[in-house]
Amino acid sequence: MQVSISGQHIEVTTALRQYVTRKLERIDRHTGLPLIRGHVVLHVEKNRYWAEGSLHTKGADWHATSKGDDMYAVIDRVVDKLDRQAIKHKEKIVDHHQQDGGLKSQLQLDSTSNDEP
């Protein structure tokens, strides 16, 4: 996944960059979907930190923002929001219908087995 991290009124240090990429890898592991591109913008406004993140996949785009007093906590909340969106999307696209394991097929198998002596 290609990740771009930028900052407004803040210098994006290597520690912040590594923290964000490590957190975004969690989303990649949880969903199993191929994530194409991610973009994270870190802001500082007076004494408040603000982060926004966007992820792009083949079938969907996700966006999340968060504000707070600690930059690392703000990044955690943004990644958690993106992770929830990704998991919800994955559950929607997974086929939840059982193949030959449903109740109707079991009843049909039971009725054919009862006919034999």
PDB file of N, CA and C in Angstrom:
ATOM      1  N   MET A   1       0.854  -1.171   0.000  1.00  0.00           N
ATOM      2  CA  MET A   1       0.000   0.000   0.000  1.00  0.00           C
ATOM      3  C   MET A   1       0.897   1.230   0.000  1.00  0.00           C
ATOM      4  N   GLN A   2       0.517   2.179  -0.791  1.00  0.00           N
ATOM      5  CA  GLN A   2       1.236   3.447  -0.876  1.00  0.00           C
ATOM      6  C   GLN A   2       0.625   4.416   0.138  1.00  0.00           C
ATOM      7  N   VAL A   3       1.432   4.876   1.081  1.00  0.00           N
ATOM      8  CA  VAL A   3       0.953   5.767   2.131  1.00  0.00           C
ATOM      9  C   VAL A   3       1.669   7.104   2.009  1.00  0.00           C
ATOM     10  N   SER A   4       0.896   8.179   1.972  1.00  0.00           N
ATOM     11  CA  SER A   4       1.483   9.517   2.004  1.00  0.00           C
ATOM     12  C   SER A   4       1.037  10.201   3.292  1.00  0.00           C
ATOM     13  N   ILE A   5       2.005  10.778   3.983  1.00  0.00           N
ATOM     14  CA  ILE A   5       1.740  11.433   5.257  1.00  0.00           C
ATOM     15  C   ILE A   5       2.236  12.856   5.141  1.00  0.00           C
ATOM     16  N   SER A   6       1.354  13.800   5.412  1.00  0.00           N
ATOM     17  CA  SER A   6       1.737  15.205   5.337  1.00  0.00           C
ATOM     18  C   SER A   6       1.283  15.911   6.605  1.00  0.00           C
ATOM     19  N   GLY A   7       1.824  17.094   6.822  1.00  0.00           N
ATOM     20  CA  GLY A   7       1.486  17.837   8.021  1.00  0.00           C
ATOM     21  C   GLY A   7       1.255  19.296   7.714  1.00  0.00           C
ATOM     22  N   GLN A   8       0.315  19.888   8.414  1.00  0.00           N
ATOM     23  CA  GLN A   8       0.062  21.319   8.333  1.00  0.00           C
ATOM     24  C   GLN A   8       0.443  21.927   9.666  1.00  0.00           C
ATOM     25  N   HIS A   9       1.385  22.840   9.624  1.00  0.00           N
ATOM     26  CA  HIS A   9       1.899  23.511  10.815  1.00  0.00           C
ATOM     27  C   HIS A   9       2.583  22.544  11.761  1.00  0.00           C
ATOM     28  N   ILE A  10       3.053  21.424  11.245  1.00  0.00           N
ATOM     29  CA  ILE A  10       3.768  20.438  12.050  1.00  0.00           C
ATOM     30  C   ILE A  10       4.780  19.740  11.152  1.00  0.00           C
ATOM     31  N   GLU A  11       5.930  19.449  11.714  1.00  0.00           N
ATOM     32  CA  GLU A  11       6.937  18.680  10.996  1.00  0.00           C
ATOM     33  C   GLU A  11       6.662  17.205  11.244  1.00  0.00           C
ATOM     34  N   VAL A  12       6.518  16.448  10.180  1.00  0.00           N
ATOM     35  CA  VAL A  12       6.248  15.026  10.300  1.00  0.00           C
ATOM     36  C   VAL A  12       7.591  14.319  10.506  1.00  0.00           C
ATOM     37  N   THR A  13       7.838  13.902  11.721  1.00  0.00           N
ATOM     38  CA  THR A  13       9.095  13.249  12.059  1.00  0.00           C
ATOM     39  C   THR A  13       9.065  11.789  11.618  1.00  0.00           C
ATOM     40  N   THR A  14      10.206  11.162  11.643  1.00  0.00           N
ATOM     41  CA  THR A  14      10.260   9.743  11.271  1.00  0.00           C
ATOM     42  C   THR A  14       9.489   8.881  12.268  1.00  0.00           C
ATOM     43  N   ALA A  15       9.478   9.289  13.534  1.00  0.00           N
ATOM     44  CA  ALA A  15       8.722   8.528  14.537  1.00  0.00           C
ATOM     45  C   ALA A  15       7.226   8.575  14.231  1.00  0.00           C
ATOM     46  N   LEU A  16       6.704   9.759  13.895  1.00  0.00           N
ATOM     47  CA  LEU A  16       5.285   9.870  13.529  1.00  0.00           C
ATOM     48  C   LEU A  16       4.995   9.074  12.261  1.00  0.00           C
ATOM     49  N   ARG A  17       5.884   9.170  11.282  1.00  0.00           N
ATOM     50  CA  ARG A  17       5.695   8.466  10.014  1.00  0.00           C
ATOM     51  C   ARG A  17       5.658   6.949  10.241  1.00  0.00           C
ATOM     52  N   GLN A  18       6.578   6.432  11.042  1.00  0.00           N
ATOM     53  CA  GLN A  18       6.601   4.997  11.323  1.00  0.00           C
ATOM     54  C   GLN A  18       5.372   4.570  12.122  1.00  0.00           C
ATOM     55  N   TYR A  19       4.932   5.407  13.050  1.00  0.00           N
ATOM     56  CA  TYR A  19       3.759   5.088  13.858  1.00  0.00           C
ATOM     57  C   TYR A  19       2.509   4.976  12.989  1.00  0.00           C
ATOM     58  N   VAL A  20       2.339   5.922  12.086  1.00  0.00           N
ATOM     59  CA  VAL A  20       1.158   5.905  11.212  1.00  0.00           C
ATOM     60  C   VAL A  20       1.192   4.699  10.278  1.00  0.00           C
ATOM     61  N   THR A  21       2.327   4.420   9.666  1.00  0.00           N
ATOM     62  CA  THR A  21       2.391   3.279   8.743  1.00  0.00           C
ATOM     63  C   THR A  21       2.182   1.957   9.478  1.00  0.00           C
ATOM     64  N   ARG A  22       2.717   1.833  10.690  1.00  0.00           N
ATOM     65  CA  ARG A  22       2.512   0.610  11.464  1.00  0.00           C
ATOM     66  C   ARG A  22       1.035   0.424  11.810  1.00  0.00           C
ATOM     67  N   LYS A  23       0.364   1.508  12.153  1.00  0.00           N
ATOM     68  CA  LYS A  23      -1.061   1.422  12.486  1.00  0.00           C
ATOM     69  C   LYS A  23      -1.897   1.084  11.251  1.00  0.00           C
ATOM     70  N   LEU A  24      -1.549   1.644  10.100  1.00  0.00           N
ATOM     71  CA  LEU A  24      -2.308   1.363   8.885  1.00  0.00           C
ATOM     72  C   LEU A  24      -2.112  -0.065   8.401  1.00  0.00           C
ATOM     73  N   GLU A  25      -0.991  -0.679   8.724  1.00  0.00           N
ATOM     74  CA  GLU A  25      -0.781  -2.080   8.368  1.00  0.00           C
ATOM     75  C   GLU A  25      -1.786  -2.977   9.072  1.00  0.00           C
ATOM     76  N   ARG A  26      -2.245  -2.574  10.243  1.00  0.00           N
ATOM     77  CA  ARG A  26      -3.247  -3.343  10.976  1.00  0.00           C
ATOM     78  C   ARG A  26      -4.531  -3.464  10.164  1.00  0.00           C
ATOM     79  N   ILE A  27      -4.918  -2.371   9.509  1.00  0.00           N
ATOM     80  CA  ILE A  27      -6.132  -2.405   8.682  1.00  0.00           C
ATOM     81  C   ILE A  27      -5.939  -3.368   7.519  1.00  0.00           C
ATOM     82  N   ASP A  28      -4.765  -3.360   6.945  1.00  0.00           N
ATOM     83  CA  ASP A  28      -4.466  -4.251   5.835  1.00  0.00           C
ATOM     84  C   ASP A  28      -4.573  -5.712   6.274  1.00  0.00           C
ATOM     85  N   ARG A  29      -4.102  -6.032   7.475  1.00  0.00           N
ATOM     86  CA  ARG A  29      -4.180  -7.397   7.984  1.00  0.00           C
ATOM     87  C   ARG A  29      -5.615  -7.797   8.318  1.00  0.00           C
ATOM     88  N   HIS A  30      -6.390  -6.885   8.909  1.00  0.00           N
ATOM     89  CA  HIS A  30      -7.750  -7.224   9.347  1.00  0.00           C
ATOM     90  C   HIS A  30      -8.681  -7.479   8.186  1.00  0.00           C
ATOM     91  N   THR A  31      -8.582  -6.678   7.150  1.00  0.00           N
ATOM     92  CA  THR A  31      -9.561  -6.772   6.078  1.00  0.00           C
ATOM     93  C   THR A  31      -9.222  -7.826   5.057  1.00  0.00           C
ATOM     94  N   GLY A  32      -7.953  -7.984   4.737  1.00  0.00           N
ATOM     95  CA  GLY A  32      -7.581  -8.906   3.674  1.00  0.00           C
ATOM     96  C   GLY A  32      -7.869  -8.339   2.306  1.00  0.00           C
ATOM     97  N   LEU A  33      -8.388  -7.126   2.246  1.00  0.00           N
ATOM     98  CA  LEU A  33      -8.661  -6.461   0.974  1.00  0.00           C
ATOM     99  C   LEU A  33      -7.402  -5.747   0.509  1.00  0.00           C
ATOM    100  N   PRO A  34      -7.187  -5.678  -0.795  1.00  0.00           N
ATOM    101  CA  PRO A  34      -6.002  -4.946  -1.272  1.00  0.00           C
ATOM    102  C   PRO A  34      -6.210  -3.440  -1.135  1.00  0.00           C
ATOM    103  N   LEU A  35      -5.469  -2.822  -0.241  1.00  0.00           N
ATOM    104  CA  LEU A  35      -5.541  -1.374  -0.066  1.00  0.00           C
ATOM    105  C   LEU A  35      -4.599  -0.738  -1.078  1.00  0.00           C
ATOM    106  N   ILE A  36      -5.116   0.159  -1.877  1.00  0.00           N
ATOM    107  CA  ILE A  36      -4.341   0.752  -2.952  1.00  0.00           C
ATOM    108  C   ILE A  36      -3.530   1.939  -2.461  1.00  0.00           C
ATOM    109  N   ARG A  37      -4.207   2.862  -1.781  1.00  0.00           N
ATOM    110  CA  ARG A  37      -3.544   4.113  -1.417  1.00  0.00           C
ATOM    111  C   ARG A  37      -4.111   4.627  -0.102  1.00  0.00           C
ATOM    112  N   GLY A  38      -3.247   5.213   0.698  1.00  0.00           N
ATOM    113  CA  GLY A  38      -3.665   5.830   1.950  1.00  0.00           C
ATOM    114  C   GLY A  38      -3.053   7.213   2.057  1.00  0.00           C
ATOM    115  N   HIS A  39      -3.798   8.134   2.635  1.00  0.00           N
ATOM    116  CA  HIS A  39      -3.306   9.493   2.805  1.00  0.00           C
ATOM    117  C   HIS A  39      -3.704   9.977   4.197  1.00  0.00           C
ATOM    118  N   VAL A  40      -2.716  10.457   4.953  1.00  0.00           N
ATOM    119  CA  VAL A  40      -2.956  10.943   6.311  1.00  0.00           C
ATOM    120  C   VAL A  40      -2.407  12.358   6.403  1.00  0.00           C
ATOM    121  N   VAL A  41      -3.235  13.263   6.926  1.00  0.00           N
ATOM    122  CA  VAL A  41      -2.823  14.654   7.125  1.00  0.00           C
ATOM    123  C   VAL A  41      -2.899  14.951   8.616  1.00  0.00           C
ATOM    124  N   LEU A  42      -1.796  15.451   9.164  1.00  0.00           N
ATOM    125  CA  LEU A  42      -1.709  15.799  10.583  1.00  0.00           C
ATOM    126  C   LEU A  42      -1.712  17.315  10.710  1.00  0.00           C
ATOM    127  N   HIS A  43      -2.549  17.851  11.590  1.00  0.00           N
ATOM    128  CA  HIS A  43      -2.692  19.295  11.768  1.00  0.00           C
ATOM    129  C   HIS A  43      -2.390  19.668  13.223  1.00  0.00           C
ATOM    130  N   VAL A  44      -1.949  20.894  13.403  1.00  0.00           N
ATOM    131  CA  VAL A  44      -1.828  21.471  14.737  1.00  0.00           C
ATOM    132  C   VAL A  44      -2.487  22.842  14.682  1.00  0.00           C
ATOM    133  N   GLU A  45      -3.446  23.060  15.586  1.00  0.00           N
ATOM    134  CA  GLU A  45      -4.123  24.347  15.711  1.00  0.00           C
ATOM    135  C   GLU A  45      -4.028  24.769  17.175  1.00  0.00           C
ATOM    136  N   LYS A  46      -3.223  25.744  17.450  1.00  0.00           N
ATOM    137  CA  LYS A  46      -2.948  26.188  18.817  1.00  0.00           C
ATOM    138  C   LYS A  46      -2.481  25.000  19.644  1.00  0.00           C
ATOM    139  N   ASN A  47      -3.228  24.557  20.617  1.00  0.00           N
ATOM    140  CA  ASN A  47      -2.820  23.417  21.444  1.00  0.00           C
ATOM    141  C   ASN A  47      -3.602  22.158  21.123  1.00  0.00           C
ATOM    142  N   ARG A  48      -4.303  22.131  20.011  1.00  0.00           N
ATOM    143  CA  ARG A  48      -5.121  20.980  19.628  1.00  0.00           C
ATOM    144  C   ARG A  48      -4.494  20.291  18.428  1.00  0.00           C
ATOM    145  N   TYR A  49      -4.517  18.971  18.465  1.00  0.00           N
ATOM    146  CA  TYR A  49      -4.039  18.169  17.347  1.00  0.00           C
ATOM    147  C   TYR A  49      -5.242  17.636  16.587  1.00  0.00           C
ATOM    148  N   TRP A  50      -5.056  17.481  15.294  1.00  0.00           N
ATOM    149  CA  TRP A  50      -6.147  17.057  14.430  1.00  0.00           C
ATOM    150  C   TRP A  50      -5.547  16.190  13.351  1.00  0.00           C
ATOM    151  N   ALA A  51      -6.182  15.072  13.062  1.00  0.00           N
ATOM    152  CA  ALA A  51      -5.695  14.166  12.020  1.00  0.00           C
ATOM    153  C   ALA A  51      -6.867  13.721  11.168  1.00  0.00           C
ATOM    154  N   GLU A  52      -6.595  13.557   9.900  1.00  0.00           N
ATOM    155  CA  GLU A  52      -7.597  13.014   8.991  1.00  0.00           C
ATOM    156  C   GLU A  52      -6.919  11.980   8.108  1.00  0.00           C
ATOM    157  N   GLY A  53      -7.632  10.920   7.839  1.00  0.00           N
ATOM    158  CA  GLY A  53      -7.072   9.838   7.041  1.00  0.00           C
ATOM    159  C   GLY A  53      -8.058   9.377   5.993  1.00  0.00           C
ATOM    160  N   SER A  54      -7.515   8.984   4.854  1.00  0.00           N
ATOM    161  CA  SER A  54      -8.321   8.455   3.754  1.00  0.00           C
ATOM    162  C   SER A  54      -7.660   7.192   3.235  1.00  0.00           C
ATOM    163  N   LEU A  55      -8.456   6.180   2.977  1.00  0.00           N
ATOM    164  CA  LEU A  55      -7.973   4.940   2.377  1.00  0.00           C
ATOM    165  C   LEU A  55      -8.767   4.672   1.113  1.00  0.00           C
ATOM    166  N   HIS A  56      -8.079   4.216   0.092  1.00  0.00           N
ATOM    167  CA  HIS A  56      -8.715   3.928  -1.189  1.00  0.00           C
ATOM    168  C   HIS A  56      -8.466   2.465  -1.535  1.00  0.00           C
ATOM    169  N   THR A  57      -9.541   1.764  -1.845  1.00  0.00           N
ATOM    170  CA  THR A  57      -9.453   0.379  -2.294  1.00  0.00           C
ATOM    171  C   THR A  57     -10.135   0.279  -3.645  1.00  0.00           C
ATOM    172  N   LYS A  58     -10.195  -0.928  -4.167  1.00  0.00           N
ATOM    173  CA  LYS A  58     -10.801  -1.121  -5.477  1.00  0.00           C
ATOM    174  C   LYS A  58     -12.287  -0.769  -5.478  1.00  0.00           C
ATOM    175  N   GLY A  59     -12.988  -1.094  -4.386  1.00  0.00           N
ATOM    176  CA  GLY A  59     -14.429  -0.905  -4.381  1.00  0.00           C
ATOM    177  C   GLY A  59     -14.952   0.201  -3.491  1.00  0.00           C
ATOM    178  N   ALA A  60     -14.093   0.805  -2.656  1.00  0.00           N
ATOM    179  CA  ALA A  60     -14.605   1.777  -1.699  1.00  0.00           C
ATOM    180  C   ALA A  60     -13.510   2.756  -1.288  1.00  0.00           C
ATOM    181  N   ASP A  61     -13.960   3.891  -0.778  1.00  0.00           N
ATOM    182  CA  ASP A  61     -13.076   4.891  -0.194  1.00  0.00           C
ATOM    183  C   ASP A  61     -13.576   5.164   1.216  1.00  0.00           C
ATOM    184  N   TRP A  62     -12.657   5.264   2.166  1.00  0.00           N
ATOM    185  CA  TRP A  62     -13.015   5.518   3.556  1.00  0.00           C
ATOM    186  C   TRP A  62     -12.306   6.768   4.029  1.00  0.00           C
ATOM    187  N   HIS A  63     -12.978   7.527   4.886  1.00  0.00           N
ATOM    188  CA  HIS A  63     -12.415   8.767   5.390  1.00  0.00           C
ATOM    189  C   HIS A  63     -12.778   8.906   6.862  1.00  0.00           C
ATOM    190  N   ALA A  64     -11.823   9.392   7.667  1.00  0.00           N
ATOM    191  CA  ALA A  64     -12.072   9.583   9.099  1.00  0.00           C
ATOM    192  C   ALA A  64     -11.250  10.763   9.603  1.00  0.00           C
ATOM    193  N   THR A  65     -11.800  11.464  10.602  1.00  0.00           N
ATOM    194  CA  THR A  65     -11.091  12.577  11.237  1.00  0.00           C
ATOM    195  C   THR A  65     -11.236  12.455  12.749  1.00  0.00           C
ATOM    196  N   SER A  66     -10.297  13.081  13.442  1.00  0.00           N
ATOM    197  CA  SER A  66     -10.349  13.093  14.902  1.00  0.00           C
ATOM    198  C   SER A  66      -9.538  14.266  15.427  1.00  0.00           C
ATOM    199  N   LYS A  67      -9.961  14.804  16.575  1.00  0.00           N
ATOM    200  CA  LYS A  67      -9.253  15.900  17.231  1.00  0.00           C
ATOM    201  C   LYS A  67      -8.969  15.510  18.669  1.00  0.00           C
ATOM    202  N   GLY A  68      -7.898  16.076  19.236  1.00  0.00           N
ATOM    203  CA  GLY A  68      -7.579  15.779  20.619  1.00  0.00           C
ATOM    204  C   GLY A  68      -6.354  16.530  21.099  1.00  0.00           C
ATOM    205  N   ASP A  69      -5.918  16.192  22.311  1.00  0.00           N
ATOM    206  CA  ASP A  69      -4.786  16.868  22.932  1.00  0.00           C
ATOM    207  C   ASP A  69      -3.466  16.120  22.750  1.00  0.00           C
ATOM    208  N   ASP A  70      -3.510  14.874  22.304  1.00  0.00           N
ATOM    209  CA  ASP A  70      -2.312  14.065  22.114  1.00  0.00           C
ATOM    210  C   ASP A  70      -2.301  13.535  20.685  1.00  0.00           C
ATOM    211  N   MET A  71      -1.228  13.781  19.950  1.00  0.00           N
ATOM    212  CA  MET A  71      -1.170  13.407  18.542  1.00  0.00           C
ATOM    213  C   MET A  71      -1.261  11.896  18.354  1.00  0.00           C
ATOM    214  N   TYR A  72      -0.602  11.125  19.196  1.00  0.00           N
ATOM    215  CA  TYR A  72      -0.638   9.672  19.049  1.00  0.00           C
ATOM    216  C   TYR A  72      -2.038   9.108  19.336  1.00  0.00           C
ATOM    217  N   ALA A  73      -2.732   9.676  20.296  1.00  0.00           N
ATOM    218  CA  ALA A  73      -4.106   9.237  20.576  1.00  0.00           C
ATOM    219  C   ALA A  73      -5.039   9.594  19.426  1.00  0.00           C
ATOM    220  N   VAL A  74      -4.818  10.749  18.826  1.00  0.00           N
ATOM    221  CA  VAL A  74      -5.621  11.170  17.674  1.00  0.00           C
ATOM    222  C   VAL A  74      -5.398  10.218  16.502  1.00  0.00           C
ATOM    223  N   ILE A  75      -4.153   9.847  16.264  1.00  0.00           N
ATOM    224  CA  ILE A  75      -3.846   8.900  15.184  1.00  0.00           C
ATOM    225  C   ILE A  75      -4.504   7.561  15.465  1.00  0.00           C
ATOM    226  N   ASP A  76      -4.466   7.110  16.712  1.00  0.00           N
ATOM    227  CA  ASP A  76      -5.117   5.844  17.078  1.00  0.00           C
ATOM    228  C   ASP A  76      -6.611   5.876  16.784  1.00  0.00           C
ATOM    229  N   ARG A  77      -7.263   6.983  17.141  1.00  0.00           N
ATOM    230  CA  ARG A  77      -8.710   7.087  16.898  1.00  0.00           C
ATOM    231  C   ARG A  77      -9.036   7.097  15.413  1.00  0.00           C
ATOM    232  N   VAL A  78      -8.233   7.787  14.613  1.00  0.00           N
ATOM    233  CA  VAL A  78      -8.476   7.825  13.164  1.00  0.00           C
ATOM    234  C   VAL A  78      -8.319   6.423  12.575  1.00  0.00           C
ATOM    235  N   VAL A  79      -7.275   5.728  12.966  1.00  0.00           N
ATOM    236  CA  VAL A  79      -7.051   4.379  12.441  1.00  0.00           C
ATOM    237  C   VAL A  79      -8.149   3.433  12.910  1.00  0.00           C
ATOM    238  N   ASP A  80      -8.613   3.567  14.146  1.00  0.00           N
ATOM    239  CA  ASP A  80      -9.721   2.738  14.628  1.00  0.00           C
ATOM    240  C   ASP A  80     -10.986   2.972  13.807  1.00  0.00           C
ATOM    241  N   LYS A  81     -11.275   4.226  13.494  1.00  0.00           N
ATOM    242  CA  LYS A  81     -12.453   4.535  12.685  1.00  0.00           C
ATOM    243  C   LYS A  81     -12.320   3.939  11.288  1.00  0.00           C
ATOM    244  N   LEU A  82     -11.149   4.069  10.684  1.00  0.00           N
ATOM    245  CA  LEU A  82     -10.926   3.498   9.357  1.00  0.00           C
ATOM    246  C   LEU A  82     -11.016   1.980   9.393  1.00  0.00           C
ATOM    247  N   ASP A  83     -10.511   1.382  10.461  1.00  0.00           N
ATOM    248  CA  ASP A  83     -10.558  -0.072  10.614  1.00  0.00           C
ATOM    249  C   ASP A  83     -11.997  -0.563  10.709  1.00  0.00           C
ATOM    250  N   ARG A  84     -12.822   0.132  11.491  1.00  0.00           N
ATOM    251  CA  ARG A  84     -14.237  -0.251  11.598  1.00  0.00           C
ATOM    252  C   ARG A  84     -14.937  -0.147  10.246  1.00  0.00           C
ATOM    253  N   GLN A  85     -14.637   0.896   9.490  1.00  0.00           N
ATOM    254  CA  GLN A  85     -15.252   1.057   8.174  1.00  0.00           C
ATOM    255  C   GLN A  85     -14.819  -0.065   7.236  1.00  0.00           C
ATOM    256  N   ALA A  86     -13.540  -0.431   7.297  1.00  0.00           N
ATOM    257  CA  ALA A  86     -13.026  -1.487   6.427  1.00  0.00           C
ATOM    258  C   ALA A  86     -13.648  -2.838   6.776  1.00  0.00           C
ATOM    259  N   ILE A  87     -13.766  -3.128   8.065  1.00  0.00           N
ATOM    260  CA  ILE A  87     -14.363  -4.398   8.483  1.00  0.00           C
ATOM    261  C   ILE A  87     -15.832  -4.446   8.077  1.00  0.00           C
ATOM    262  N   LYS A  88     -16.542  -3.353   8.232  1.00  0.00           N
ATOM    263  CA  LYS A  88     -17.950  -3.300   7.840  1.00  0.00           C
ATOM    264  C   LYS A  88     -18.096  -3.521   6.335  1.00  0.00           C
ATOM    265  N   HIS A  89     -17.210  -2.929   5.559  1.00  0.00           N
ATOM    266  CA  HIS A  89     -17.254  -3.113   4.103  1.00  0.00           C
ATOM    267  C   HIS A  89     -16.962  -4.566   3.737  1.00  0.00           C
ATOM    268  N   LYS A  90     -16.000  -5.171   4.407  1.00  0.00           N
ATOM    269  CA  LYS A  90     -15.658  -6.562   4.125  1.00  0.00           C
ATOM    270  C   LYS A  90     -16.834  -7.477   4.424  1.00  0.00           C
ATOM    271  N   GLU A  91     -17.524  -7.223   5.534  1.00  0.00           N
ATOM    272  CA  GLU A  91     -18.681  -8.045   5.880  1.00  0.00           C
ATOM    273  C   GLU A  91     -19.800  -7.897   4.860  1.00  0.00           C
ATOM    274  N   LYS A  92     -19.917  -6.740   4.255  1.00  0.00           N
ATOM    275  CA  LYS A  92     -20.956  -6.542   3.251  1.00  0.00           C
ATOM    276  C   LYS A  92     -20.664  -7.312   1.973  1.00  0.00           C
ATOM    277  N   ILE A  93     -19.397  -7.393   1.592  1.00  0.00           N
ATOM    278  CA  ILE A  93     -19.089  -8.024   0.315  1.00  0.00           C
ATOM    279  C   ILE A  93     -18.906  -9.535   0.423  1.00  0.00           C
ATOM    280  N   VAL A  94     -18.735 -10.061   1.645  1.00  0.00           N
ATOM    281  CA  VAL A  94     -18.587 -11.497   1.822  1.00  0.00           C
ATOM    282  C   VAL A  94     -19.957 -12.142   1.667  1.00  0.00           C
ATOM    283  N   ASP A  95     -20.016 -13.248   0.943  1.00  0.00           N
ATOM    284  CA  ASP A  95     -21.275 -13.960   0.746  1.00  0.00           C
ATOM    285  C   ASP A  95     -21.593 -14.722   2.018  1.00  0.00           C
ATOM    286  N   HIS A  96     -22.685 -14.364   2.674  1.00  0.00           N
ATOM    287  CA  HIS A  96     -23.055 -14.994   3.933  1.00  0.00           C
ATOM    288  C   HIS A  96     -23.977 -16.197   3.738  1.00  0.00           C
ATOM    289  N   HIS A  97     -24.334 -16.497   2.497  1.00  0.00           N
ATOM    290  CA  HIS A  97     -25.209 -17.635   2.255  1.00  0.00           C
ATOM    291  C   HIS A  97     -24.391 -18.920   2.321  1.00  0.00           C
ATOM    292  N   GLN A  98     -24.949 -19.901   2.955  1.00  0.00           N
ATOM    293  CA  GLN A  98     -24.232 -21.169   3.083  1.00  0.00           C
ATOM    294  C   GLN A  98     -24.452 -21.989   1.819  1.00  0.00           C
ATOM    295  N   GLN A  99     -23.426 -22.623   1.377  1.00  0.00           N
ATOM    296  CA  GLN A  99     -23.516 -23.483   0.206  1.00  0.00           C
ATOM    297  C   GLN A  99     -23.743 -24.917   0.675  1.00  0.00           C
ATOM    298  N   ASP A 100     -24.899 -25.466   0.393  1.00  0.00           N
ATOM    299  CA  ASP A 100     -25.261 -26.844   0.744  1.00  0.00           C
ATOM    300  C   ASP A 100     -25.122 -27.120   2.235  1.00  0.00           C
ATOM    301  N   GLY A 101     -25.278 -26.110   3.052  1.00  0.00           N
ATOM    302  CA  GLY A 101     -25.197 -26.334   4.483  1.00  0.00           C
ATOM    303  C   GLY A 101     -26.400 -25.772   5.199  1.00  0.00           C
ATOM    304  N   GLY A 102     -27.362 -25.274   4.444  1.00  0.00           N
ATOM    305  CA  GLY A 102     -28.530 -24.672   5.046  1.00  0.00           C
ATOM    306  C   GLY A 102     -29.526 -25.699   5.534  1.00  0.00           C
ATOM    307  N   LEU A 103     -30.546 -25.217   6.199  1.00  0.00           N
ATOM    308  CA  LEU A 103     -31.548 -26.088   6.792  1.00  0.00           C
ATOM    309  C   LEU A 103     -32.360 -26.822   5.725  1.00  0.00           C
ATOM    310  N   LYS A 104     -32.677 -26.151   4.617  1.00  0.00           N
ATOM    311  CA  LYS A 104     -33.470 -26.795   3.576  1.00  0.00           C
ATOM    312  C   LYS A 104     -32.741 -27.997   2.986  1.00  0.00           C
ATOM    313  N   SER A 105     -31.474 -27.830   2.713  1.00  0.00           N
ATOM    314  CA  SER A 105     -30.738 -28.951   2.120  1.00  0.00           C
ATOM    315  C   SER A 105     -30.593 -30.096   3.118  1.00  0.00           C
ATOM    316  N   GLN A 106     -30.471 -29.804   4.404  1.00  0.00           N
ATOM    317  CA  GLN A 106     -30.377 -30.859   5.401  1.00  0.00           C
ATOM    318  C   GLN A 106     -31.694 -31.605   5.521  1.00  0.00           C
ATOM    319  N   LEU A 107     -32.828 -30.883   5.427  1.00  0.00           N
ATOM    320  CA  LEU A 107     -34.129 -31.546   5.496  1.00  0.00           C
ATOM    321  C   LEU A 107     -34.352 -32.434   4.283  1.00  0.00           C
ATOM    322  N   GLN A 108     -33.881 -31.984   3.135  1.00  0.00           N
ATOM    323  CA  GLN A 108     -34.032 -32.803   1.929  1.00  0.00           C
ATOM    324  C   GLN A 108     -33.186 -34.058   2.027  1.00  0.00           C
ATOM    325  N   LEU A 109     -31.996 -33.952   2.579  1.00  0.00           N
ATOM    326  CA  LEU A 109     -31.138 -35.135   2.745  1.00  0.00           C
ATOM    327  C   LEU A 109     -31.746 -36.103   3.752  1.00  0.00           C
ATOM    328  N   ASP A 110     -32.338 -35.585   4.830  1.00  0.00           N
ATOM    329  CA  ASP A 110     -32.951 -36.446   5.832  1.00  0.00           C
ATOM    330  C   ASP A 110     -34.159 -37.171   5.264  1.00  0.00           C
ATOM    331  N   SER A 111     -34.947 -36.501   4.423  1.00  0.00           N
ATOM    332  CA  SER A 111     -36.149 -37.135   3.878  1.00  0.00           C
ATOM    333  C   SER A 111     -35.773 -38.223   2.880  1.00  0.00           C
ATOM    334  N   THR A 112     -34.688 -38.077   2.150  1.00  0.00           N
ATOM    335  CA  THR A 112     -34.291 -39.131   1.208  1.00  0.00           C
ATOM    336  C   THR A 112     -33.681 -40.308   1.930  1.00  0.00           C
ATOM    337  N   SER A 113     -33.036 -40.083   3.055  1.00  0.00           N
ATOM    338  CA  SER A 113     -32.437 -41.193   3.798  1.00  0.00           C
ATOM    339  C   SER A 113     -33.504 -41.991   4.550  1.00  0.00           C
ATOM    340  N   ASN A 114     -34.654 -41.400   4.878  1.00  0.00           N
ATOM    341  CA  ASN A 114     -35.725 -42.115   5.584  1.00  0.00           C
ATOM    342  C   ASN A 114     -36.498 -43.033   4.681  1.00  0.00           C
ATOM    343  N   ASP A 115     -36.438 -42.826   3.364  1.00  0.00           N
ATOM    344  CA  ASP A 115     -37.184 -43.652   2.419  1.00  0.00           C
ATOM    345  C   ASP A 115     -36.582 -45.044   2.287  1.00  0.00           C
ATOM    346  N   GLU A 116     -35.305 -45.164   2.555  1.00  0.00           N
ATOM    347  CA  GLU A 116     -34.647 -46.462   2.403  1.00  0.00           C
ATOM    348  C   GLU A 116     -34.907 -47.314   3.634  1.00  0.00           C
ATOM    349  N   PRO A 117     -35.154 -48.645   3.433  1.00  0.00           N
ATOM    350  CA  PRO A 117     -35.413 -49.530   4.578  1.00  0.00           C
ATOM    351  C   PRO A 117     -34.176 -49.871   5.361  1.00  0.00           C
TER     352      PRO A 117
END
